Amino acid sequence: MCSMSRRSFIKMAGLAAAAAAVPALDGIKAASAEQQAPAVPGTDGDKYVSYKNRQGGESVVYFTRDLSAAGLMKLYDKISANFTGKVGIKLHTGEPEGPNIIPRPWVKELMQKKLPNATVVETNTYYDYGRYTTENHRKTLETNGWTAFTTVDILDEEGTVMLPVKGGKWFTEMAVGGHLTNYDSLFVLTHFKGHTMGGFGGSNKNIGIGCADGRIGKKMIHTGDTGSQWGIDKEEFMERMTESTKAVVDYFGDKISFINVLRNMSVDCDCAGTGAAVPTTPNIGILASTDILAIDQASVDLVYALPEKDRHDLQERMESRHGLRQLSYMKELGMGNSRYVLLDADHGNVPIKLEDAVKGVKPFKA
């Protein structure tokens, strides 16, 4: 799937399309009129669906309470069997001095012991702050300590690549960072938290926004037909973001796996930097899966399994932004299963209930 001839073809075609698209998105194909849904918000993104009311097959999601480099490595071993060739680590490296990102020492130890030849990959942002330009982005990477132990590939530093979106109603292709097709496998390492627009940021957001390039792809997702920056809201935004994710997931096939770290879960994204709200949701643990829908669904389920006082703020953020539409739309696009078996990696990979997984969690302390 990731042969050099195919990669080169996509890259050349994508660069040509991207050149024609700046700055007004001319030349980028949206879905046909027959495919496009009316730009009217749906009605399911603010409604949590309990496990007993879900249908379809089951995937496997691994769980550990061990919030440390050791816990991260333990779960990495569960989902990395298919990685081959050049491996990219899609990681949200954060705005300057961001307090909630995945601890750098964890990532350093993971890379040194498990992924010595891998590369952290990122893209520039659509908003103008510490990662808006490649130059400023590199300064922020240095400020946040990433360059002390690894190289970070800013995927859209040299342009974009167009990847097909199969079965989407908003897009038939998506602009992603041009370097993405240099990689054979993708390890999606995500800090699970809330998000101002998306409701929550899990693996879906890490790829859908995080692999889209900063000028074209992110504009396609955020503006739509309104033409104004940040012109998309709620259901449509979730669908556009998810279609962007699907382009990347389809490209890597079975050479992509996911870890979500449920720690320091502010209602705000790591893109809020030092301005992020102080977390009120207890730290829970780490999840891993080869199924993107299953891992994001399990992350949400674990939050909902908490006592109401502990989940209230993050739950309100998810539902008020209709963020749960991410899950139902991934299901509609055939991106995975919303049903899963949760395996306790701390106790021999035996199945564990959600309420038992969160039993004994302690209130968050900054």
Protein backbone atom coordinates (compact mmCIF):
# COMPACT_ATOMS: atom_id res chain seq x y z
CA MET A 1 0.00 0.00 0.00
CA CYS A 2 2.85 2.35 0.84
CA SER A 3 5.05 1.44 -2.08
CA MET A 4 7.37 4.14 -3.42
CA SER A 5 5.60 4.33 -6.76
CA ARG A 6 2.22 4.90 -5.15
CA ARG A 7 3.61 7.39 -2.67
CA SER A 8 5.36 9.34 -5.40
CA PHE A 9 2.21 9.44 -7.51
CA ILE A 10 0.09 10.76 -4.64
CA LYS A 11 2.73 13.32 -3.74
CA MET A 12 3.08 14.69 -7.27
CA ALA A 13 -0.66 14.83 -7.82
CA GLY A 14 -1.23 16.39 -4.44
CA LEU A 15 1.37 19.11 -4.83
CA ALA A 16 -0.13 20.09 -8.15
CA ALA A 17 -3.62 20.26 -6.68
CA ALA A 18 -2.43 22.18 -3.65
CA ALA A 19 -0.63 24.76 -5.76
CA ALA A 20 -3.85 25.49 -7.57
CA ALA A 21 -5.80 25.71 -4.33
CA VAL A 22 -4.05 28.51 -2.46
CA PRO A 23 -5.50 30.70 -1.08
CA ALA A 24 -9.17 30.31 -2.00
CA LEU A 25 -9.41 26.51 -2.11
CA ASP A 26 -10.11 26.60 -5.85
CA GLY A 27 -9.37 23.23 -7.38
CA ILE A 28 -10.06 21.23 -4.24
CA LYS A 29 -12.90 18.87 -4.86
CA ALA A 30 -15.74 18.78 -2.39
CA ALA A 31 -18.25 15.99 -2.46
CA SER A 32 -20.76 16.15 -5.29
CA ALA A 33 -24.10 17.87 -4.81
CA GLU A 34 -25.72 14.45 -4.53
CA GLN A 35 -23.28 13.47 -1.76
CA GLN A 36 -23.41 16.66 0.27
CA ALA A 37 -25.78 16.86 3.18
CA PRO A 38 -27.61 20.11 3.90
CA ALA A 39 -25.53 22.38 6.14
CA VAL A 40 -27.95 21.82 9.00
CA PRO A 41 -26.74 20.46 12.34
CA GLY A 42 -27.77 16.92 13.15
CA THR A 43 -29.30 15.83 16.39
CA ASP A 44 -27.16 13.04 17.84
CA GLY A 45 -23.93 14.78 18.82
CA ASP A 46 -25.27 15.89 22.19
CA LYS A 47 -26.63 12.46 23.14
CA TYR A 48 -24.59 9.72 24.79
CA VAL A 49 -25.45 6.21 23.60
CA SER A 50 -25.08 3.54 26.28
CA TYR A 51 -23.20 0.36 25.46
CA LYS A 52 -26.33 -1.83 25.52
CA ASN A 53 -27.87 0.30 22.75
CA ARG A 54 -24.96 -0.08 20.34
CA GLN A 55 -24.83 -2.56 17.50
CA GLY A 56 -22.15 -4.28 15.46
CA GLY A 57 -18.98 -6.19 16.12
CA GLU A 58 -16.49 -5.81 18.95
CA SER A 59 -12.87 -4.71 18.90
CA VAL A 60 -10.17 -5.04 21.56
CA VAL A 61 -9.08 -2.08 23.69
CA TYR A 62 -6.29 -2.47 26.24
CA PHE A 63 -6.28 -0.55 29.53
CA THR A 64 -3.71 0.27 32.19
CA ARG A 65 -3.93 2.47 35.26
CA ASP A 66 -0.14 2.94 35.11
CA LEU A 67 0.30 6.55 34.04
CA SER A 68 4.03 6.41 33.40
CA ALA A 69 6.55 5.61 30.70
CA ALA A 70 6.33 1.96 31.76
CA GLY A 71 2.57 1.93 31.31
CA LEU A 72 2.90 3.59 27.93
CA MET A 73 5.44 1.02 26.76
CA LYS A 74 3.35 -1.87 28.09
CA LEU A 75 0.40 -0.84 25.95
CA TYR A 76 2.56 0.04 22.95
CA ASP A 77 3.66 -3.59 22.79
CA LYS A 78 0.00 -4.63 22.48
CA ILE A 79 -0.72 -2.67 19.30
CA SER A 80 2.55 -2.30 17.38
CA ALA A 81 2.89 -5.68 15.66
CA ASN A 82 2.01 -4.36 12.20
CA PHE A 83 4.41 -1.42 12.17
CA THR A 84 6.96 -1.68 9.38
CA GLY A 85 9.39 0.60 7.61
CA LYS A 86 9.56 4.27 8.53
CA VAL A 87 7.32 5.02 11.52
CA GLY A 88 5.85 8.44 12.27
CA ILE A 89 4.56 9.30 15.76
CA LYS A 90 1.62 11.71 15.51
CA LEU A 91 1.78 13.67 18.72
CA HIS A 92 0.29 17.00 19.84
CA THR A 93 3.48 18.74 21.01
CA GLY A 94 1.58 21.70 22.50
CA GLU A 95 1.71 25.46 22.56
CA PRO A 96 4.56 27.16 24.49
CA GLU A 97 4.75 25.92 28.10
CA GLY A 98 1.51 23.97 27.72
CA PRO A 99 0.87 22.29 31.09
CA ASN A 100 -1.20 19.27 30.09
CA ILE A 101 0.61 17.59 27.18
CA ILE A 102 1.90 14.03 27.46
CA PRO A 103 5.05 14.22 29.59
CA ARG A 104 8.16 14.46 27.45
CA PRO A 105 10.13 11.97 29.61
CA TRP A 106 7.52 9.31 28.83
CA VAL A 107 7.84 9.87 25.10
CA LYS A 108 11.64 9.99 25.32
CA GLU A 109 11.83 6.63 27.09
CA LEU A 110 9.30 5.07 24.74
CA MET A 111 11.25 6.20 21.69
CA GLN A 112 14.63 5.16 23.08
CA LYS A 113 13.46 1.68 24.07
CA LYS A 114 10.77 0.89 21.50
CA LEU A 115 11.04 3.30 18.57
CA PRO A 116 14.65 4.41 18.19
CA ASN A 117 14.28 5.15 14.46
CA ALA A 118 10.83 6.77 14.56
CA THR A 119 10.09 10.47 14.01
CA VAL A 120 7.58 12.70 15.78
CA VAL A 121 5.34 14.35 13.16
CA GLU A 122 3.29 17.54 13.44
CA THR A 123 1.67 20.21 11.24
CA ASN A 124 1.38 23.96 11.52
CA THR A 125 -1.79 25.48 12.97
CA TYR A 126 -4.66 27.35 11.34
CA TYR A 127 -4.74 29.90 14.16
CA ASP A 128 -1.94 32.45 14.59
CA TYR A 129 0.02 31.59 17.70
CA GLY A 130 3.11 29.60 18.64
CA ARG A 131 2.90 27.02 15.86
CA TYR A 132 1.42 29.07 13.02
CA THR A 133 4.59 29.25 10.91
CA THR A 134 7.28 26.61 10.60
CA GLU A 135 9.81 29.01 12.11
CA ASN A 136 7.69 29.75 15.17
CA HIS A 137 6.67 26.11 15.43
CA ARG A 138 10.30 25.06 15.71
CA LYS A 139 10.88 27.62 18.47
CA THR A 140 7.91 26.22 20.37
CA LEU A 141 9.21 22.67 19.95
CA GLU A 142 12.48 23.79 21.51
CA THR A 143 10.67 25.65 24.32
CA ASN A 144 8.62 22.57 25.15
CA GLY A 145 11.67 20.31 25.25
CA TRP A 146 11.00 18.04 22.30
CA THR A 147 14.13 18.90 20.33
CA ALA A 148 16.31 17.89 23.29
CA PHE A 149 15.83 14.22 22.40
CA THR A 150 14.13 13.86 19.01
CA THR A 151 13.66 15.30 15.56
CA VAL A 152 10.19 16.64 14.74
CA ASP A 153 9.04 16.55 11.12
CA ILE A 154 6.66 19.43 10.39
CA LEU A 155 4.69 17.64 7.71
CA ASP A 156 3.46 20.71 5.82
CA GLU A 157 6.78 22.56 5.83
CA GLU A 158 7.14 21.93 2.09
CA GLY A 159 3.52 21.81 0.98
CA THR A 160 0.64 19.39 0.87
CA VAL A 161 -0.56 16.07 -0.49
CA MET A 162 -4.16 15.29 -1.42
CA LEU A 163 -5.47 12.01 -0.04
CA PRO A 164 -8.81 10.55 -1.17
CA VAL A 165 -11.80 10.57 1.18
CA LYS A 166 -13.88 7.46 0.52
CA GLY A 167 -17.59 7.71 1.17
CA GLY A 168 -17.56 11.23 2.58
CA LYS A 169 -20.43 13.68 2.18
CA TRP A 170 -18.32 16.85 2.52
CA PHE A 171 -15.08 15.92 0.73
CA THR A 172 -13.72 13.59 -1.88
CA GLU A 173 -10.13 14.48 -0.93
CA MET A 174 -8.26 16.15 1.91
CA ALA A 175 -5.07 18.22 2.01
CA VAL A 176 -2.56 16.82 4.50
CA GLY A 177 1.05 17.68 5.24
CA GLY A 178 3.16 16.73 2.25
CA HIS A 179 5.69 14.70 4.22
CA LEU A 180 3.04 12.29 5.53
CA THR A 181 3.46 9.94 2.59
CA ASN A 182 7.15 9.54 3.44
CA TYR A 183 6.04 7.24 6.26
CA ASP A 184 5.08 3.58 6.05
CA SER A 185 3.40 3.33 9.47
CA LEU A 186 1.74 5.79 11.83
CA PHE A 187 1.61 5.55 15.62
CA VAL A 188 -1.08 7.94 16.91
CA LEU A 189 -0.16 8.96 20.46
CA THR A 190 -2.92 11.16 21.84
CA HIS A 191 -3.57 13.15 24.99
CA PHE A 192 -7.31 12.70 25.49
CA LYS A 193 -9.02 15.88 26.75
CA GLY A 194 -11.80 18.34 26.00
CA HIS A 195 -11.84 20.71 23.05
CA THR A 196 -13.42 24.11 22.54
CA MET A 197 -14.93 23.25 19.15
CA GLY A 198 -14.74 19.45 19.01
CA GLY A 199 -16.11 18.72 22.47
CA PHE A 200 -13.28 16.27 23.03
CA GLY A 201 -9.94 15.61 21.43
CA GLY A 202 -9.05 11.95 21.00
CA SER A 203 -7.32 9.97 18.27
CA ASN A 204 -9.85 11.24 15.72
CA LYS A 205 -9.00 14.87 16.37
CA ASN A 206 -5.26 14.16 16.60
CA ILE A 207 -5.32 12.89 13.02
CA GLY A 208 -8.21 14.80 11.45
CA ILE A 209 -6.93 18.21 12.50
CA GLY A 210 -3.36 17.25 13.30
CA CYS A 211 -2.44 15.78 9.90
CA ALA A 212 -4.35 18.34 7.81
CA ASP A 213 -1.94 21.05 6.70
CA GLY A 214 -2.17 24.46 8.32
CA ARG A 215 -3.29 26.49 5.32
CA ILE A 216 -5.45 24.32 3.07
CA GLY A 217 -6.66 21.21 4.90
CA LYS A 218 -7.47 22.94 8.16
CA LYS A 219 -9.27 25.69 6.25
CA MET A 220 -11.35 23.07 4.45
CA ILE A 221 -12.41 21.61 7.79
CA HIS A 222 -13.06 24.85 9.67
CA THR A 223 -14.65 27.19 7.12
CA GLY A 224 -16.73 25.18 4.68
CA ASP A 225 -19.05 27.25 2.51
CA THR A 226 -19.18 30.20 4.91
CA GLY A 227 -15.82 31.58 3.83
CA SER A 228 -15.19 32.93 7.33
CA GLN A 229 -12.54 31.54 9.63
CA TRP A 230 -14.01 29.15 12.23
CA GLY A 231 -17.29 29.22 10.29
CA ILE A 232 -18.25 25.61 11.01
CA ASP A 233 -19.86 24.49 14.22
CA LYS A 234 -21.03 21.36 15.97
CA GLU A 235 -22.27 18.45 13.82
CA GLU A 236 -20.82 19.58 10.51
CA PHE A 237 -17.44 20.31 12.06
CA MET A 238 -17.32 16.82 13.58
CA GLU A 239 -18.15 15.27 10.23
CA ARG A 240 -15.57 17.29 8.30
CA MET A 241 -12.87 16.50 10.85
CA THR A 242 -13.76 12.81 10.77
CA GLU A 243 -13.61 12.66 6.97
CA SER A 244 -10.11 14.14 7.18
CA THR A 245 -9.20 11.40 9.63
CA LYS A 246 -10.62 8.73 7.34
CA ALA A 247 -8.32 9.84 4.52
CA VAL A 248 -5.28 9.23 6.74
CA VAL A 249 -6.56 5.99 8.30
CA ASP A 250 -7.37 4.57 4.87
CA TYR A 251 -3.95 5.55 3.55
CA PHE A 252 -2.07 3.62 6.25
CA GLY A 253 -4.45 0.65 6.35
CA ASP A 254 -3.34 -1.87 8.98
CA LYS A 255 -0.10 0.06 9.58
CA ILE A 256 -1.72 2.48 12.02
CA SER A 257 -2.43 2.07 15.75
CA PHE A 258 -3.61 4.27 18.60
CA ILE A 259 -2.92 5.13 22.23
CA ASN A 260 -5.01 7.60 24.27
CA VAL A 261 -3.61 8.98 27.54
CA LEU A 262 -6.44 9.95 29.93
CA ARG A 263 -4.50 12.34 32.15
CA ASN A 264 -4.74 16.10 32.86
CA MET A 265 -8.05 16.18 31.01
CA SER A 266 -8.86 19.87 30.83
CA VAL A 267 -12.04 20.87 29.01
CA ASP A 268 -9.69 22.76 26.70
CA CYS A 269 -7.34 21.39 24.06
CA ASP A 270 -3.55 21.50 24.36
CA CYS A 271 -3.74 24.21 21.70
CA ALA A 272 -4.95 26.51 24.49
CA GLY A 273 -1.50 26.31 26.07
CA THR A 274 -1.16 28.04 29.43
CA GLY A 275 -4.70 29.41 29.00
CA ALA A 276 -6.29 25.97 29.30
CA ALA A 277 -8.80 25.53 32.10
CA VAL A 278 -7.49 23.61 35.10
CA PRO A 279 -8.62 19.97 34.82
CA THR A 280 -11.43 18.81 37.08
CA THR A 281 -11.71 15.26 35.73
CA PRO A 282 -9.66 12.62 37.57
CA ASN A 283 -6.75 10.93 35.84
CA ILE A 284 -7.89 7.49 34.67
CA GLY A 285 -5.17 5.65 32.75
CA ILE A 286 -4.00 4.75 29.24
CA LEU A 287 -5.86 2.96 26.44
CA ALA A 288 -4.52 1.26 23.29
CA SER A 289 -6.18 -0.26 20.22
CA THR A 290 -5.84 -0.82 16.51
CA ASP A 291 -9.44 0.46 16.13
CA ILE A 292 -9.78 4.26 16.17
CA LEU A 293 -13.49 4.31 16.89
CA ALA A 294 -13.19 1.75 19.68
CA ILE A 295 -10.42 3.65 21.47
CA ASP A 296 -12.16 7.03 21.31
CA GLN A 297 -15.47 5.43 22.31
CA ALA A 298 -13.81 3.67 25.26
CA SER A 299 -12.16 6.92 26.33
CA VAL A 300 -15.53 8.67 26.36
CA ASP A 301 -17.15 5.70 28.12
CA LEU A 302 -14.57 5.79 30.92
CA VAL A 303 -15.30 9.47 31.50
CA TYR A 304 -19.05 8.76 31.61
CA ALA A 305 -18.41 5.90 34.06
CA LEU A 306 -17.08 8.38 36.63
CA PRO A 307 -19.32 9.79 39.36
CA GLU A 308 -21.35 12.77 38.09
CA LYS A 309 -19.37 15.32 40.09
CA ASP A 310 -16.12 14.11 38.53
CA ARG A 311 -17.33 13.90 34.93
CA HIS A 312 -19.63 16.93 34.89
CA ASP A 313 -17.36 19.53 33.30
CA LEU A 314 -15.91 17.31 30.58
CA GLN A 315 -19.29 15.73 29.85
CA GLU A 316 -20.84 19.19 29.47
CA ARG A 317 -18.07 20.19 27.08
CA MET A 318 -18.59 17.08 24.95
CA GLU A 319 -22.35 17.40 24.75
CA SER A 320 -22.64 21.18 24.40
CA ARG A 321 -20.36 21.07 21.34
CA HIS A 322 -22.05 17.95 19.96
CA GLY A 323 -18.68 16.23 20.14
CA LEU A 324 -20.23 12.77 20.38
CA ARG A 325 -21.04 13.12 16.68
CA GLN A 326 -17.41 12.17 16.10
CA LEU A 327 -18.25 8.68 17.32
CA SER A 328 -21.49 8.12 15.43
CA TYR A 329 -19.99 9.46 12.20
CA MET A 330 -16.94 7.23 12.46
CA LYS A 331 -19.42 4.37 12.80
CA GLU A 332 -21.37 5.52 9.71
CA LEU A 333 -18.14 5.73 7.70
CA GLY A 334 -17.17 2.19 8.65
CA MET A 335 -14.06 3.28 10.55
CA GLY A 336 -14.38 0.79 13.40
CA ASN A 337 -16.58 -0.61 16.15
CA SER A 338 -18.32 1.25 18.94
CA ARG A 339 -18.50 -2.02 20.88
CA TYR A 340 -15.31 -3.48 22.34
CA VAL A 341 -13.80 -5.75 24.95
CA LEU A 342 -11.79 -3.76 27.51
CA LEU A 343 -8.76 -5.81 28.61
CA ASP A 344 -6.94 -5.02 31.86
CA ALA A 345 -3.24 -5.09 30.97
CA ASP A 346 -2.36 -4.74 34.65
CA HIS A 347 -3.91 -8.13 35.45
CA GLY A 348 -3.13 -10.51 32.61
CA ASN A 349 -5.31 -8.91 29.93
CA VAL A 350 -8.55 -10.12 31.50
CA PRO A 351 -11.80 -8.34 30.56
CA ILE A 352 -12.75 -5.52 32.89
CA LYS A 353 -15.94 -3.52 33.31
CA LEU A 354 -15.88 0.24 32.87
CA GLU A 355 -17.05 0.89 36.42
CA ASP A 356 -14.24 -1.31 37.75
CA ALA A 357 -11.66 0.45 35.60
CA VAL A 358 -12.48 3.80 37.18
CA LYS A 359 -12.99 2.47 40.71
CA GLY A 360 -10.76 4.24 43.17
CA VAL A 361 -9.66 7.09 40.91
CA LYS A 362 -8.69 10.14 42.91
CA PRO A 363 -9.85 13.74 42.36
CA PHE A 364 -7.54 15.69 40.11
CA LYS A 365 -4.86 17.77 41.81
CA ALA A 366 -3.00 20.37 39.77
